[in-house]
C-alpha atoms as a PDB file:
ATOM      1  CA  UNK A   1      69.135  41.316  47.663  1.00  0.00           C
ATOM      2  CA  UNK A   2      66.086  42.279  45.618  1.00  0.00           C
ATOM      3  CA  UNK A   3      67.222  40.199  42.758  1.00  0.00           C
ATOM      4  CA  UNK A   4      67.634  37.150  45.023  1.00  0.00           C
ATOM      5  CA  UNK A   5      64.121  37.641  46.407  1.00  0.00           C
ATOM      6  CA  UNK A   6      62.689  37.956  42.981  1.00  0.00           C
ATOM      7  CA  UNK A   7      64.509  34.823  41.758  1.00  0.00           C
ATOM      8  CA  UNK A   8      63.302  32.731  44.690  1.00  0.00           C
ATOM      9  CA  UNK A   9      59.723  34.075  44.199  1.00  0.00           C
ATOM     10  CA  UNK A  10      59.880  33.123  40.557  1.00  0.00           C
ATOM     11  CA  UNK A  11      60.997  29.586  41.419  1.00  0.00           C
ATOM     12  CA  UNK A  12      58.074  29.151  43.911  1.00  0.00           C
ATOM     13  CA  UNK A  13      55.593  30.434  41.327  1.00  0.00           C
ATOM     14  CA  UNK A  14      57.083  28.049  38.731  1.00  0.00           C
ATOM     15  CA  UNK A  15      56.709  25.098  41.160  1.00  0.00           C
ATOM     16  CA  UNK A  16      53.221  26.079  42.112  1.00  0.00           C
ATOM     17  CA  UNK A  17      52.253  26.295  38.402  1.00  0.00           C
ATOM     18  CA  UNK A  18      53.701  22.753  37.772  1.00  0.00           C
ATOM     19  CA  UNK A  19      51.727  21.467  40.883  1.00  0.00           C
ATOM     20  CA  UNK A  20      48.449  23.081  39.549  1.00  0.00           C
ATOM     21  CA  UNK A  21      48.985  21.576  36.111  1.00  0.00           C
ATOM     22  CA  UNK A  22      49.531  18.167  37.575  1.00  0.00           C
ATOM     23  CA  UNK A  23      46.385  18.318  39.743  1.00  0.00           C
ATOM     24  CA  UNK A  24      44.417  19.673  36.744  1.00  0.00           C
ATOM     25  CA  UNK A  25      45.576  16.834  34.520  1.00  0.00           C
ATOM     26  CA  UNK A  26      44.876  14.326  37.333  1.00  0.00           C
ATOM     27  CA  UNK A  27      41.387  15.711  37.835  1.00  0.00           C
ATOM     28  CA  UNK A  28      40.686  15.727  34.092  1.00  0.00           C
ATOM     29  CA  UNK A  29      41.744  12.104  33.754  1.00  0.00           C
ATOM     30  CA  UNK A  30      39.664  11.041  36.748  1.00  0.00           C
ATOM     31  CA  UNK A  31      36.678  12.866  35.530  1.00  0.00           C
ATOM     32  CA  UNK A  32      36.763  11.706  31.965  1.00  0.00           C
ATOM     33  CA  UNK A  33      37.621   8.036  32.603  1.00  0.00           C
ATOM     34  CA  UNK A  34      34.815   5.472  32.942  1.00  0.00           C
ATOM     35  CA  UNK A  35      34.111   3.089  35.676  1.00  0.00           C
ATOM     36  CA  UNK A  36      36.933   0.546  35.874  1.00  0.00           C
ATOM     37  CA  UNK A  37      38.973   2.318  33.287  1.00  0.00           C
ATOM     38  CA  UNK A  38      42.712   1.588  33.833  1.00  0.00           C
ATOM     39  CA  UNK A  39      44.015   4.495  31.817  1.00  0.00           C
ATOM     40  CA  UNK A  40      44.832   6.623  34.728  1.00  0.00           C
ATOM     41  CA  UNK A  41      46.680   3.789  36.450  1.00  0.00           C
ATOM     42  CA  UNK A  42      48.881   3.236  33.431  1.00  0.00           C
ATOM     43  CA  UNK A  43      49.516   6.918  33.143  1.00  0.00           C
ATOM     44  CA  UNK A  44      50.591   7.102  36.782  1.00  0.00           C
ATOM     45  CA  UNK A  45      52.853   3.994  36.632  1.00  0.00           C
ATOM     46  CA  UNK A  46      54.589   5.557  33.590  1.00  0.00           C
ATOM     47  CA  UNK A  47      54.988   8.848  35.448  1.00  0.00           C
ATOM     48  CA  UNK A  48      56.352   7.130  38.485  1.00  0.00           C
ATOM     49  CA  UNK A  49      58.794   5.153  36.291  1.00  0.00           C
ATOM     50  CA  UNK A  50      60.019   8.471  34.762  1.00  0.00           C
ATOM     51  CA  UNK A  51      60.459  10.086  38.208  1.00  0.00           C
ATOM     52  CA  UNK A  52      62.439   6.930  39.421  1.00  0.00           C
ATOM     53  CA  UNK A  53      64.741   7.048  36.444  1.00  0.00           C
ATOM     54  CA  UNK A  54      65.287  10.833  36.999  1.00  0.00           C
ATOM     55  CA  UNK A  55      65.947  10.208  40.728  1.00  0.00           C
ATOM     56  CA  UNK A  56      68.530   7.583  39.994  1.00  0.00           C
ATOM     57  CA  UNK A  57      70.156   9.683  37.413  1.00  0.00           C
ATOM     58  CA  UNK A  58      70.411  12.624  39.783  1.00  0.00           C
ATOM     59  CA  UNK A  59      72.017  10.419  42.435  1.00  0.00           C
ATOM     60  CA  UNK A  60      74.416   8.987  39.861  1.00  0.00           C
ATOM     61  CA  UNK A  61      75.425  12.514  38.760  1.00  0.00           C
ATOM     62  CA  UNK A  62      75.745  13.795  42.353  1.00  0.00           C
ATOM     63  CA  UNK A  63      78.009  10.825  43.167  1.00  0.00           C
ATOM     64  CA  UNK A  64      80.140  11.637  40.085  1.00  0.00           C
ATOM     65  CA  UNK A  65      80.264  15.312  40.719  1.00  0.00           C
ATOM     66  CA  UNK A  66      81.039  15.108  44.511  1.00  0.00           C
ATOM     67  CA  UNK A  67      83.494  12.141  44.198  1.00  0.00           C
ATOM     68  CA  UNK A  68      81.331   9.751  46.470  1.00  0.00           C
ATOM     69  CA  UNK A  69      82.316   6.289  45.782  1.00  0.00           C
ATOM     70  CA  UNK A  70      79.995   3.824  44.151  1.00  0.00           C
ATOM     71  CA  UNK A  71      78.728   1.010  46.374  1.00  0.00           C
ATOM     72  CA  UNK A  72      81.179  -1.801  46.510  1.00  0.00           C
ATOM     73  CA  UNK A  73      80.398  -5.567  46.586  1.00  0.00           C
ATOM     74  CA  UNK A  74      82.620  -7.559  49.098  1.00  0.00           C
ATOM     75  CA  UNK A  75      82.731 -11.310  48.982  1.00  0.00           C
ATOM     76  CA  UNK A  76      83.728 -13.499  51.858  1.00  0.00           C
ATOM     77  CA  UNK A  77      82.993 -16.742  53.598  1.00  0.00           C
ATOM     78  CA  UNK A  78      80.519 -17.058  56.385  1.00  0.00           C
ATOM     79  CA  UNK A  79      82.412 -16.776  59.767  1.00  0.00           C
ATOM     80  CA  UNK A  80      85.560 -15.207  58.311  1.00  0.00           C
ATOM     81  CA  UNK A  81      85.059 -11.883  60.017  1.00  0.00           C
ATOM     82  CA  UNK A  82      85.257 -11.895  63.772  1.00  0.00           C
ATOM     83  CA  UNK A  83      84.632  -8.088  64.280  1.00  0.00           C
ATOM     84  CA  UNK A  84      83.850  -5.363  61.808  1.00  0.00           C
ATOM     85  CA  UNK A  85      83.984  -1.587  62.617  1.00  0.00           C
ATOM     86  CA  UNK A  86      82.656   1.020  60.196  1.00  0.00           C
ATOM     87  CA  UNK A  87      80.920   4.257  60.064  1.00  0.00           C
ATOM     88  CA  UNK A  88      77.885   4.587  57.931  1.00  0.00           C
ATOM     89  CA  UNK A  89      75.227   2.180  56.818  1.00  0.00           C
ATOM     90  CA  UNK A  90      75.465  -1.151  54.881  1.00  0.00           C
ATOM     91  CA  UNK A  91      73.389  -3.753  53.056  1.00  0.00           C
ATOM     92  CA  UNK A  92      74.280  -7.181  52.454  1.00  0.00           C
ATOM     93  CA  UNK A  93      73.306 -10.593  51.059  1.00  0.00           C
ATOM     94  CA  UNK A  94      74.453 -13.728  52.885  1.00  0.00           C
ATOM     95  CA  UNK A  95      74.584 -16.731  50.624  1.00  0.00           C
ATOM     96  CA  UNK A  96      76.417 -20.073  50.575  1.00  0.00           C
ATOM     97  CA  UNK A  97      79.801 -20.378  48.809  1.00  0.00           C
ATOM     98  CA  UNK A  98      80.487 -22.948  46.007  1.00  0.00           C
ATOM     99  CA  UNK A  99      79.952 -26.598  46.606  1.00  0.00           C
ATOM    100  CA  UNK A 100      83.046 -29.029  46.318  1.00  0.00           C
ATOM    101  CA  UNK A 101      83.190 -31.072  43.222  1.00  0.00           C
ATOM    102  CA  UNK A 102      81.398 -34.329  43.914  1.00  0.00           C
ATOM    103  CA  UNK A 103      83.657 -36.364  41.525  1.00  0.00           C
ATOM    104  CA  UNK A 104      86.831 -35.193  43.436  1.00  0.00           C
ATOM    105  CA  UNK A 105      85.552 -34.973  46.969  1.00  0.00           C
ATOM    106  CA  UNK A 106      82.417 -36.886  47.645  1.00  0.00           C
ATOM    107  CA  UNK A 107      82.662 -36.794  51.457  1.00  0.00           C
ATOM    108  CA  UNK A 108      83.126 -32.978  51.364  1.00  0.00           C
ATOM    109  CA  UNK A 109      80.196 -32.556  49.005  1.00  0.00           C
ATOM    110  CA  UNK A 110      77.994 -34.663  51.223  1.00  0.00           C
ATOM    111  CA  UNK A 111      79.017 -32.676  54.330  1.00  0.00           C
ATOM    112  CA  UNK A 112      78.384 -29.354  52.658  1.00  0.00           C
ATOM    113  CA  UNK A 113      74.941 -30.473  51.476  1.00  0.00           C
ATOM    114  CA  UNK A 114      74.051 -31.740  54.888  1.00  0.00           C
ATOM    115  CA  UNK A 115      75.345 -28.442  56.515  1.00  0.00           C
ATOM    116  CA  UNK A 116      73.122 -26.348  54.225  1.00  0.00           C
ATOM    117  CA  UNK A 117      70.063 -28.560  54.823  1.00  0.00           C
ATOM    118  CA  UNK A 118      70.619 -28.821  58.580  1.00  0.00           C
ATOM    119  CA  UNK A 119      72.098 -25.403  59.561  1.00  0.00           C
ATOM    120  CA  UNK A 120      73.588 -24.749  62.923  1.00  0.00           C
ATOM    121  CA  UNK A 121      71.036 -23.050  65.284  1.00  0.00           C
ATOM    122  CA  UNK A 122      71.755 -19.395  66.082  1.00  0.00           C
ATOM    123  CA  UNK A 123      72.494 -18.553  69.693  1.00  0.00           C
END
């Protein structure tokens, strides 16, 4: 019990030390930079990029360790699904399919272009 408390207390002190160091660096950069100096901005952009890469790596590692599936891409034609039931969240991109070949089917090509330029109004 005492060992667990000391471990948690040690972790809290280490995190507080990191926060204090970050605040100290930020204040040093802010105080030493001149008016209109962009150095601090570039440092922060770099730091945010590193944090973003670390976060994506942690997500990828957790998915691999816990067996969560990677996001899948599903292709389909507009209007093919009448009802979809699922549990969870989803993101999607709706886009047009390929156009017919104008050399082989000029009427179909013309119809597809007209449908894209004048879409059917939503109800």
